[in-house]
Amino acid sequence: MLDEKEVQEVISRDLHCLHNFDLNCEMCRLRGMCLPAAISPQEIESLESLIDNRIEVPARATIYRKEQPFTHIFAVVYGAVKTYSTGNDGETCVTGLHLPGELFGFSGIHDGVYAVSAKALENSVVCAIPFDDLESCCRVIPGLKTRLLHLMSDRSIDYQQHFAHLSSGNAAQRRVATFLISLLSRAARRGLDSATVRLPMNGDDTASYLGITPETLSREFSRLARDGVIAKSGREITLLDKAQLHGVACDRPASGA
């Protein structure tokens, strides 16, 4: 868990990585996903001064825990982060998946404590943004508050759609297909290949997120591959038949069936 002191210790370290993350907001390749389009260089400088630098988070490291005091929201620069809760029986339920260009940590705004825990799925880099200072910055930078509300709304819609799938009792194949469509569309928003994606979570975490068993997840991937919808090699997924994948997600029969 990265408490306030640990955040300061981590962000003071140099990032030892082949990727160049020692960037300001103006140079970040994900700038368009986080900032208003019309923001000026001076306003970017004001925002940059708020960010507690970019934190290198090792794989499986906890960023914050449930009920920890809320201090920051975070933006994923590189890697992937899951949010999750742990029941009294010790079972973990994955509640969210956060990819580059996406914000997380909003769960702490309402009650002043984080409602879930967050952990890096792989070696990741995140921007840590002090929430109290961000509120002040929103009063200075036109459009920033609106942009943040849009980002929060997007994530809220994603959550609502995800949990609607879980609560509606949708078949496992529809859940898996919808999950793949989400990953592919999010990759496209980042300017990446929209036909190939790497699964950011292992089988257990993905199954937990989709509300199915790991065995069922494996069967559904095999079914999609057998039907010529995807090709799968380890965690690498290649989309072969977009129309059929959308048909599975919408519970439509395949053409000609």
Protein backbone atom coordinates (compact mmCIF):
# COMPACT_ATOMS: atom_id res chain seq x y z
CA MET A 1 0.00 0.00 0.00
CA LEU A 2 1.30 3.44 -0.91
CA ASP A 3 0.42 5.77 1.96
CA GLU A 4 1.16 9.50 1.82
CA LYS A 5 4.77 9.07 2.92
CA GLU A 6 5.38 6.18 0.54
CA VAL A 7 3.90 8.16 -2.34
CA GLN A 8 6.44 10.88 -1.68
CA GLU A 9 9.27 8.35 -1.45
CA VAL A 10 8.27 6.57 -4.64
CA ILE A 11 7.80 9.72 -6.71
CA SER A 12 11.22 11.00 -5.69
CA ARG A 13 12.91 8.02 -7.38
CA ASP A 14 14.06 8.09 -10.97
CA LEU A 15 12.10 5.86 -13.32
CA HIS A 16 14.37 3.11 -14.60
CA CYS A 17 12.51 1.99 -17.69
CA LEU A 18 13.05 1.72 -21.43
CA HIS A 19 10.03 3.98 -21.91
CA ASN A 20 10.41 7.71 -21.42
CA PHE A 21 7.92 8.66 -18.72
CA ASP A 22 9.88 11.65 -17.45
CA LEU A 23 7.47 13.91 -19.32
CA ASN A 24 5.30 16.85 -18.51
CA CYS A 25 1.60 16.92 -19.35
CA GLU A 26 2.24 18.88 -22.55
CA MET A 27 4.43 16.11 -23.98
CA CYS A 28 2.45 13.12 -22.70
CA ARG A 29 1.11 10.98 -25.53
CA LEU A 30 -2.13 10.52 -23.57
CA ARG A 31 -2.70 14.25 -23.14
CA GLY A 32 -5.75 14.25 -25.41
CA MET A 33 -7.51 11.71 -23.21
CA CYS A 34 -7.03 13.67 -19.99
CA LEU A 35 -6.95 17.40 -20.77
CA PRO A 36 -9.32 19.88 -22.43
CA ALA A 37 -8.51 20.43 -26.10
CA ALA A 38 -8.11 24.21 -25.74
CA ILE A 39 -5.87 24.24 -22.67
CA SER A 40 -3.01 26.77 -22.93
CA PRO A 41 0.67 26.13 -22.17
CA GLN A 42 0.36 28.29 -19.05
CA GLU A 43 -2.62 26.28 -17.84
CA ILE A 44 -0.76 23.03 -18.52
CA GLU A 45 2.10 24.35 -16.39
CA SER A 46 -0.35 25.10 -13.56
CA LEU A 47 -1.77 21.59 -13.76
CA GLU A 48 1.67 20.02 -14.01
CA SER A 49 2.65 21.68 -10.73
CA LEU A 50 -0.14 19.75 -8.98
CA ILE A 51 0.90 16.29 -10.06
CA ASP A 52 3.03 14.42 -7.54
CA ASN A 53 5.17 13.35 -10.49
CA ARG A 54 4.70 9.99 -12.14
CA ILE A 55 4.89 7.00 -9.86
CA GLU A 56 6.44 3.75 -11.00
CA VAL A 57 4.35 0.99 -9.43
CA PRO A 58 5.73 -2.58 -9.57
CA ALA A 59 3.46 -5.41 -10.65
CA ARG A 60 1.16 -6.59 -7.83
CA ALA A 61 1.96 -3.54 -5.67
CA THR A 62 -1.00 -2.01 -3.86
CA ILE A 63 -1.62 1.65 -4.70
CA TYR A 64 -4.27 2.17 -2.01
CA ARG A 65 -6.49 0.01 0.17
CA LYS A 66 -10.19 0.07 0.84
CA GLU A 67 -11.08 2.56 3.63
CA GLN A 68 -7.69 4.28 3.35
CA PRO A 69 -8.17 8.08 3.58
CA PHE A 70 -8.86 9.59 0.18
CA THR A 71 -6.11 11.99 -0.94
CA HIS A 72 -5.44 11.47 -4.66
CA ILE A 73 -7.03 10.48 -7.89
CA PHE A 74 -4.78 8.66 -10.33
CA ALA A 75 -4.27 8.52 -14.10
CA VAL A 76 -2.72 5.46 -15.72
CA VAL A 77 0.17 6.43 -17.99
CA TYR A 78 1.45 2.92 -18.69
CA GLY A 79 0.44 -0.59 -17.64
CA ALA A 80 -2.86 -1.58 -16.05
CA VAL A 81 -4.53 -1.33 -12.66
CA LYS A 82 -7.36 -3.32 -11.11
CA THR A 83 -9.70 -2.18 -8.37
CA TYR A 84 -11.16 -4.83 -6.13
CA SER A 85 -12.80 -5.64 -2.83
CA THR A 86 -12.16 -8.55 -0.49
CA GLY A 87 -15.04 -10.27 1.31
CA ASN A 88 -15.10 -11.54 4.88
CA ASP A 89 -14.31 -14.98 3.50
CA GLY A 90 -11.11 -13.63 1.93
CA GLU A 91 -12.43 -13.96 -1.60
CA THR A 92 -11.42 -11.16 -3.96
CA CYS A 93 -13.93 -9.59 -6.33
CA VAL A 94 -12.43 -7.52 -9.17
CA THR A 95 -14.64 -4.46 -9.68
CA GLY A 96 -12.69 -2.37 -12.18
CA LEU A 97 -9.98 -2.41 -14.83
CA HIS A 98 -8.08 0.80 -15.62
CA LEU A 99 -5.88 1.22 -18.70
CA PRO A 100 -3.61 4.01 -20.02
CA GLY A 101 -5.38 7.35 -20.28
CA GLU A 102 -8.02 6.40 -17.72
CA LEU A 103 -8.55 7.83 -14.24
CA PHE A 104 -9.32 5.91 -11.07
CA GLY A 105 -9.70 6.62 -7.38
CA PHE A 106 -13.03 8.43 -7.65
CA SER A 107 -14.59 6.03 -5.14
CA GLY A 108 -13.07 8.06 -2.31
CA ILE A 109 -14.76 11.35 -3.15
CA HIS A 110 -18.10 10.63 -1.45
CA ASP A 111 -17.06 9.43 2.00
CA GLY A 112 -13.45 10.61 2.15
CA VAL A 113 -12.10 7.04 2.06
CA TYR A 114 -11.50 4.73 -0.87
CA ALA A 115 -14.39 2.30 -1.33
CA VAL A 116 -12.19 -0.34 -2.98
CA SER A 117 -8.52 -1.26 -3.18
CA ALA A 118 -6.27 -0.69 -6.20
CA LYS A 119 -3.34 -2.79 -7.35
CA ALA A 120 -1.02 -2.70 -10.37
CA LEU A 121 -1.54 -5.71 -12.66
CA GLU A 122 1.89 -5.26 -14.23
CA ASN A 123 4.75 -2.81 -13.95
CA SER A 124 2.86 0.44 -14.33
CA VAL A 125 3.24 4.20 -14.19
CA VAL A 126 0.52 6.43 -12.76
CA CYS A 127 0.10 10.15 -12.21
CA ALA A 128 -0.90 10.92 -8.61
CA ILE A 129 -3.07 14.04 -8.46
CA PRO A 130 -3.90 15.55 -5.04
CA PHE A 131 -7.65 16.03 -5.05
CA ASP A 132 -7.78 19.14 -2.87
CA ASP A 133 -5.34 20.96 -5.14
CA LEU A 134 -7.18 19.73 -8.23
CA GLU A 135 -10.37 21.41 -7.04
CA SER A 136 -8.50 24.71 -6.83
CA CYS A 137 -6.99 24.19 -10.27
CA CYS A 138 -10.44 23.59 -11.77
CA ARG A 139 -11.40 27.10 -10.72
CA VAL A 140 -8.43 28.52 -12.62
CA ILE A 141 -8.39 26.42 -15.81
CA PRO A 142 -11.52 26.78 -17.98
CA GLY A 143 -12.76 23.44 -19.21
CA LEU A 144 -10.78 21.28 -16.80
CA LYS A 145 -13.73 20.62 -14.49
CA THR A 146 -15.94 19.76 -17.46
CA ARG A 147 -13.28 17.43 -18.85
CA LEU A 148 -12.92 15.65 -15.49
CA LEU A 149 -16.69 15.29 -15.22
CA HIS A 150 -16.76 13.77 -18.70
CA LEU A 151 -14.04 11.29 -17.74
CA MET A 152 -15.86 10.41 -14.53
CA SER A 153 -19.10 10.02 -16.45
CA ASP A 154 -17.44 7.71 -18.97
CA ARG A 155 -16.11 5.50 -16.19
CA SER A 156 -19.49 5.56 -14.42
CA ILE A 157 -21.22 4.43 -17.61
CA ASP A 158 -18.66 1.66 -18.04
CA TYR A 159 -19.32 0.50 -14.46
CA GLN A 160 -23.08 0.63 -14.91
CA GLN A 161 -22.96 -1.35 -18.14
CA HIS A 162 -20.57 -3.87 -16.63
CA PHE A 163 -22.66 -4.51 -13.54
CA ALA A 164 -25.85 -4.54 -15.61
CA HIS A 165 -24.37 -7.48 -17.51
CA LEU A 166 -23.55 -9.23 -14.25
CA SER A 167 -26.93 -8.64 -12.61
CA SER A 168 -28.98 -9.50 -15.69
CA GLY A 169 -27.76 -13.08 -15.73
CA ASN A 170 -26.33 -12.76 -19.25
CA ALA A 171 -24.73 -15.91 -20.56
CA ALA A 172 -20.99 -16.25 -20.09
CA GLN A 173 -20.34 -16.01 -23.82
CA ARG A 174 -22.03 -12.59 -23.95
CA ARG A 175 -19.96 -11.36 -21.00
CA VAL A 176 -16.70 -12.50 -22.57
CA ALA A 177 -17.59 -11.01 -25.97
CA THR A 178 -18.60 -7.69 -24.40
CA PHE A 179 -15.35 -7.62 -22.42
CA LEU A 180 -13.27 -8.14 -25.57
CA ILE A 181 -15.20 -5.41 -27.41
CA SER A 182 -14.49 -3.05 -24.52
CA LEU A 183 -10.75 -3.82 -24.58
CA LEU A 184 -10.57 -3.39 -28.35
CA SER A 185 -12.46 -0.09 -28.33
CA ARG A 186 -10.31 1.27 -25.50
CA ALA A 187 -7.18 0.32 -27.45
CA ALA A 188 -8.56 2.17 -30.47
CA ARG A 189 -9.12 5.31 -28.35
CA ARG A 190 -5.41 5.22 -27.48
CA GLY A 191 -4.52 5.03 -31.17
CA LEU A 192 -3.50 1.37 -31.02
CA ASP A 193 -4.38 -1.53 -33.30
CA SER A 194 -8.12 -2.06 -32.86
CA ALA A 195 -7.92 -5.70 -33.96
CA THR A 196 -5.30 -6.95 -31.50
CA VAL A 197 -5.23 -6.66 -27.74
CA ARG A 198 -3.36 -8.16 -24.83
CA LEU A 199 -5.46 -9.35 -21.90
CA PRO A 200 -4.34 -7.18 -18.98
CA MET A 201 -5.54 -9.58 -16.28
CA ASN A 202 -4.82 -13.24 -15.65
CA GLY A 203 -7.57 -15.83 -15.95
CA ASP A 204 -8.63 -15.71 -12.30
CA ASP A 205 -8.93 -11.91 -12.25
CA THR A 206 -10.72 -11.78 -15.59
CA ALA A 207 -13.17 -14.45 -14.48
CA SER A 208 -13.80 -12.60 -11.22
CA TYR A 209 -14.41 -9.37 -13.12
CA LEU A 210 -16.91 -11.11 -15.40
CA GLY A 211 -18.61 -13.05 -12.61
CA ILE A 212 -17.82 -16.47 -14.02
CA THR A 213 -15.40 -19.27 -13.15
CA PRO A 214 -11.92 -19.52 -14.68
CA GLU A 215 -12.97 -22.81 -16.28
CA THR A 216 -15.95 -21.16 -17.93
CA LEU A 217 -13.76 -18.30 -19.15
CA SER A 218 -11.34 -20.77 -20.73
CA ARG A 219 -14.19 -22.62 -22.45
CA GLU A 220 -15.64 -19.41 -23.87
CA PHE A 221 -12.29 -18.31 -25.26
CA SER A 222 -11.90 -21.75 -26.85
CA ARG A 223 -15.41 -21.50 -28.30
CA LEU A 224 -14.73 -18.10 -29.85
CA ALA A 225 -11.47 -19.37 -31.32
CA ARG A 226 -13.11 -22.55 -32.64
CA ASP A 227 -15.86 -20.48 -34.29
CA GLY A 228 -13.30 -18.29 -36.04
CA VAL A 229 -14.19 -15.15 -34.09
CA ILE A 230 -10.78 -14.65 -32.47
CA ALA A 231 -7.30 -16.13 -32.45
CA LYS A 232 -5.71 -16.50 -29.03
CA SER A 233 -2.07 -17.04 -28.12
CA GLY A 234 -1.45 -16.79 -24.40
CA ARG A 235 -2.85 -13.39 -23.47
CA GLU A 236 -2.74 -12.06 -27.03
CA ILE A 237 -6.15 -11.80 -28.69
CA THR A 238 -6.62 -11.07 -32.41
CA LEU A 239 -10.07 -10.23 -33.70
CA LEU A 240 -10.93 -12.21 -36.83
CA ASP A 241 -14.66 -11.57 -37.21
CA LYS A 242 -15.90 -8.28 -35.77
CA ALA A 243 -19.52 -8.76 -36.85
CA GLN A 244 -19.70 -12.18 -35.25
CA LEU A 245 -18.16 -10.94 -32.01
CA HIS A 246 -20.75 -8.17 -31.81
CA GLY A 247 -23.42 -10.72 -32.63
CA VAL A 248 -22.35 -12.85 -29.67
CA ALA A 249 -22.35 -9.81 -27.39
CA CYS A 250 -25.86 -8.89 -28.54
CA ASP A 251 -27.05 -12.51 -28.48
CA ARG A 252 -27.73 -12.48 -32.21
CA PRO A 253 -27.44 -15.71 -34.22
CA ALA A 254 -24.58 -15.88 -36.67
CA SER A 255 -25.49 -15.02 -40.27
CA GLY A 256 -26.54 -18.10 -42.18
CA ALA A 257 -27.25 -20.04 -39.00
